Amino acid sequence: MRRVGDPVHRPATAAAPALHRLLRHLRREAFECPEPLGSDERDTEKPTCVRGDVHGRSRPLRSGARLVSAAVLLRRLRDTGAAFATGARGPVAAAAPVAAEVTCHGDAAPYNRAVRKRS
């Protein structure tokens, strides 16, 4: 994965089409997330970046306010994503039939979020 200007260039996986549909759904619902810009001839996908500072593995959430903010964001992502139907099961099929499926982030860690100071 590498950043070239605004978009990130990373190898596309089999999950990319479903992920791009989910990102478009989230954006239509006013959830700030990367915008999928498609793929190139080398099967490299190019999502945009979310503005903010990204903290590495060594910088955990250090304040109660940031922890609460992260929890609220994850809950909002879950609620907004719950209304999304991929038409496919995404990258991993469920082990058994379920009443409802929700696509989740799966790696909500400090290195996978952008932090901005409120103005």
C-alpha atoms as a PDB file:
ATOM      1  CA  MET A   1       0.000   0.000   0.000  1.00  0.00           C
ATOM      2  CA  ARG A   2       1.307   3.451  -0.839  1.00  0.00           C
ATOM      3  CA  ARG A   3      -0.103   6.937  -0.948  1.00  0.00           C
ATOM      4  CA  VAL A   4       0.070   8.847  -4.232  1.00  0.00           C
ATOM      5  CA  GLY A   5      -1.381  12.319  -3.736  1.00  0.00           C
ATOM      6  CA  ASP A   6      -4.753  11.959  -2.022  1.00  0.00           C
ATOM      7  CA  PRO A   7      -5.655   8.382  -2.908  1.00  0.00           C
ATOM      8  CA  VAL A   8      -4.039   5.318  -1.413  1.00  0.00           C
ATOM      9  CA  HIS A   9      -2.917   2.715  -3.937  1.00  0.00           C
ATOM     10  CA  ARG A  10      -3.311  -0.834  -2.651  1.00  0.00           C
ATOM     11  CA  PRO A  11      -3.831  -4.253  -4.194  1.00  0.00           C
ATOM     12  CA  ALA A  12      -7.506  -4.970  -4.758  1.00  0.00           C
ATOM     13  CA  THR A  13      -8.890  -8.097  -3.120  1.00  0.00           C
ATOM     14  CA  ALA A  14     -11.956 -10.178  -3.926  1.00  0.00           C
ATOM     15  CA  ALA A  15     -13.779  -8.091  -1.298  1.00  0.00           C
ATOM     16  CA  ALA A  16     -13.080  -4.771  -3.074  1.00  0.00           C
ATOM     17  CA  PRO A  17     -16.373  -4.549  -5.050  1.00  0.00           C
ATOM     18  CA  ALA A  18     -18.488  -5.175  -1.922  1.00  0.00           C
ATOM     19  CA  LEU A  19     -16.313  -2.812   0.126  1.00  0.00           C
ATOM     20  CA  HIS A  20     -16.682  -0.069  -2.508  1.00  0.00           C
ATOM     21  CA  ARG A  21     -20.482  -0.499  -2.466  1.00  0.00           C
ATOM     22  CA  LEU A  22     -20.427  -0.225   1.331  1.00  0.00           C
ATOM     23  CA  LEU A  23     -18.258   2.917   1.227  1.00  0.00           C
ATOM     24  CA  ARG A  24     -20.625   4.526  -1.289  1.00  0.00           C
ATOM     25  CA  HIS A  25     -23.586   3.659   0.962  1.00  0.00           C
ATOM     26  CA  LEU A  26     -21.851   5.153   4.015  1.00  0.00           C
ATOM     27  CA  ARG A  27     -21.035   8.344   2.101  1.00  0.00           C
ATOM     28  CA  ARG A  28     -24.671   8.667   0.922  1.00  0.00           C
ATOM     29  CA  GLU A  29     -25.664   8.477   4.600  1.00  0.00           C
ATOM     30  CA  ALA A  30     -23.227  11.334   5.443  1.00  0.00           C
ATOM     31  CA  PHE A  31     -20.730   9.047   7.178  1.00  0.00           C
ATOM     32  CA  GLU A  32     -17.224  10.371   6.569  1.00  0.00           C
ATOM     33  CA  CYS A  33     -15.147   7.574   5.072  1.00  0.00           C
ATOM     34  CA  PRO A  34     -12.820   7.008   2.107  1.00  0.00           C
ATOM     35  CA  GLU A  35     -14.294   7.449  -1.352  1.00  0.00           C
ATOM     36  CA  PRO A  36     -13.557   4.556  -3.708  1.00  0.00           C
ATOM     37  CA  LEU A  37     -12.044   5.958  -6.906  1.00  0.00           C
ATOM     38  CA  GLY A  38     -11.934   2.628  -8.733  1.00  0.00           C
ATOM     39  CA  SER A  39      -9.070   0.410  -9.815  1.00  0.00           C
ATOM     40  CA  ASP A  40      -6.367   0.646 -12.425  1.00  0.00           C
ATOM     41  CA  GLU A  41      -5.129  -1.829 -15.036  1.00  0.00           C
ATOM     42  CA  ARG A  42      -2.872  -3.516 -12.440  1.00  0.00           C
ATOM     43  CA  ASP A  43      -5.866  -4.305 -10.204  1.00  0.00           C
ATOM     44  CA  THR A  44      -4.864  -1.632  -7.717  1.00  0.00           C
ATOM     45  CA  GLU A  45      -7.745   0.045  -5.919  1.00  0.00           C
ATOM     46  CA  LYS A  46      -7.579   3.747  -5.098  1.00  0.00           C
ATOM     47  CA  PRO A  47      -9.626   4.977  -2.146  1.00  0.00           C
ATOM     48  CA  THR A  48      -9.235   8.546  -0.904  1.00  0.00           C
ATOM     49  CA  CYS A  49      -7.882   9.306   2.569  1.00  0.00           C
ATOM     50  CA  VAL A  50      -9.877  10.719   5.479  1.00  0.00           C
ATOM     51  CA  ARG A  51      -8.431  14.028   6.738  1.00  0.00           C
ATOM     52  CA  GLY A  52      -6.746  13.978  10.137  1.00  0.00           C
ATOM     53  CA  ASP A  53      -3.753  12.685  12.048  1.00  0.00           C
ATOM     54  CA  VAL A  54      -3.235   8.939  12.104  1.00  0.00           C
ATOM     55  CA  HIS A  55      -1.735   7.585  15.298  1.00  0.00           C
ATOM     56  CA  GLY A  56       0.463   4.521  15.063  1.00  0.00           C
ATOM     57  CA  ARG A  57       0.362   1.382  17.140  1.00  0.00           C
ATOM     58  CA  SER A  58       2.347   3.079  19.894  1.00  0.00           C
ATOM     59  CA  ARG A  59      -0.217   5.876  20.474  1.00  0.00           C
ATOM     60  CA  PRO A  60      -3.347   4.440  22.069  1.00  0.00           C
ATOM     61  CA  LEU A  61      -6.410   6.470  22.953  1.00  0.00           C
ATOM     62  CA  ARG A  62      -5.094   8.455  25.905  1.00  0.00           C
ATOM     63  CA  SER A  63      -8.107  10.458  26.959  1.00  0.00           C
ATOM     64  CA  GLY A  64     -11.605   9.516  28.012  1.00  0.00           C
ATOM     65  CA  ALA A  65     -13.006  11.956  25.462  1.00  0.00           C
ATOM     66  CA  ARG A  66     -11.172  10.228  22.582  1.00  0.00           C
ATOM     67  CA  LEU A  67     -12.266   6.814  23.809  1.00  0.00           C
ATOM     68  CA  VAL A  68     -15.892   7.956  23.955  1.00  0.00           C
ATOM     69  CA  SER A  69     -15.535   9.582  20.516  1.00  0.00           C
ATOM     70  CA  ALA A  70     -14.148   6.328  19.057  1.00  0.00           C
ATOM     71  CA  ALA A  71     -16.982   4.301  20.633  1.00  0.00           C
ATOM     72  CA  VAL A  72     -19.620   6.692  19.272  1.00  0.00           C
ATOM     73  CA  LEU A  73     -18.009   6.539  15.819  1.00  0.00           C
ATOM     74  CA  LEU A  74     -17.934   2.734  15.822  1.00  0.00           C
ATOM     75  CA  ARG A  75     -21.567   2.559  16.932  1.00  0.00           C
ATOM     76  CA  ARG A  76     -22.565   5.014  14.202  1.00  0.00           C
ATOM     77  CA  LEU A  77     -20.617   2.941  11.647  1.00  0.00           C
ATOM     78  CA  ARG A  78     -22.406  -0.197  12.833  1.00  0.00           C
ATOM     79  CA  ASP A  79     -25.838   1.457  12.697  1.00  0.00           C
ATOM     80  CA  THR A  80     -25.231   3.009   9.269  1.00  0.00           C
ATOM     81  CA  GLY A  81     -23.737  -0.215   7.929  1.00  0.00           C
ATOM     82  CA  ALA A  82     -26.652  -2.290   9.272  1.00  0.00           C
ATOM     83  CA  ALA A  83     -28.906  -0.700   6.649  1.00  0.00           C
ATOM     84  CA  PHE A  84     -26.546  -1.841   3.888  1.00  0.00           C
ATOM     85  CA  ALA A  85     -27.193  -5.025   1.937  1.00  0.00           C
ATOM     86  CA  THR A  86     -24.248  -6.088  -0.210  1.00  0.00           C
ATOM     87  CA  GLY A  87     -26.182  -8.621  -2.249  1.00  0.00           C
ATOM     88  CA  ALA A  88     -23.250 -10.895  -1.446  1.00  0.00           C
ATOM     89  CA  ARG A  89     -21.682 -12.029   1.770  1.00  0.00           C
ATOM     90  CA  GLY A  90     -18.482 -10.051   1.304  1.00  0.00           C
ATOM     91  CA  PRO A  91     -15.011 -11.448   1.906  1.00  0.00           C
ATOM     92  CA  VAL A  92     -15.967 -14.137   4.437  1.00  0.00           C
ATOM     93  CA  ALA A  93     -19.129 -16.228   4.379  1.00  0.00           C
ATOM     94  CA  ALA A  94     -20.984 -16.791   7.635  1.00  0.00           C
ATOM     95  CA  ALA A  95     -20.323 -20.181   9.231  1.00  0.00           C
ATOM     96  CA  ALA A  96     -24.053 -20.777   9.737  1.00  0.00           C
ATOM     97  CA  PRO A  97     -27.268 -19.091   8.638  1.00  0.00           C
ATOM     98  CA  VAL A  98     -27.924 -15.945  10.634  1.00  0.00           C
ATOM     99  CA  ALA A  99     -31.002 -13.775  11.117  1.00  0.00           C
ATOM    100  CA  ALA A 100     -29.152 -10.649   9.956  1.00  0.00           C
ATOM    101  CA  GLU A 101     -25.654  -9.785   8.849  1.00  0.00           C
ATOM    102  CA  VAL A 102     -23.812  -6.569   9.493  1.00  0.00           C
ATOM    103  CA  THR A 103     -20.600  -5.697   7.707  1.00  0.00           C
ATOM    104  CA  CYS A 104     -18.155  -4.422  10.313  1.00  0.00           C
ATOM    105  CA  HIS A 105     -14.755  -2.748  10.276  1.00  0.00           C
ATOM    106  CA  GLY A 106     -12.840  -5.643  11.805  1.00  0.00           C
ATOM    107  CA  ASP A 107      -9.687  -3.649  12.595  1.00  0.00           C
ATOM    108  CA  ALA A 108     -10.765  -0.546  14.512  1.00  0.00           C
ATOM    109  CA  ALA A 109      -7.373   0.304  15.971  1.00  0.00           C
ATOM    110  CA  PRO A 110      -5.521   3.609  16.565  1.00  0.00           C
ATOM    111  CA  TYR A 111      -3.527   3.155  13.334  1.00  0.00           C
ATOM    112  CA  ASN A 112      -6.790   2.810  11.404  1.00  0.00           C
ATOM    113  CA  ARG A 113      -8.454   6.084  12.325  1.00  0.00           C
ATOM    114  CA  ALA A 114      -7.932   9.749  11.636  1.00  0.00           C
ATOM    115  CA  VAL A 115      -8.153  12.223  14.519  1.00  0.00           C
ATOM    116  CA  ARG A 116      -8.951  15.923  14.114  1.00  0.00           C
ATOM    117  CA  LYS A 117      -9.232  18.653  16.695  1.00  0.00           C
ATOM    118  CA  ARG A 118     -12.680  20.175  16.858  1.00  0.00           C
ATOM    119  CA  SER A 119     -12.800  23.779  15.782  1.00  0.00           C
END
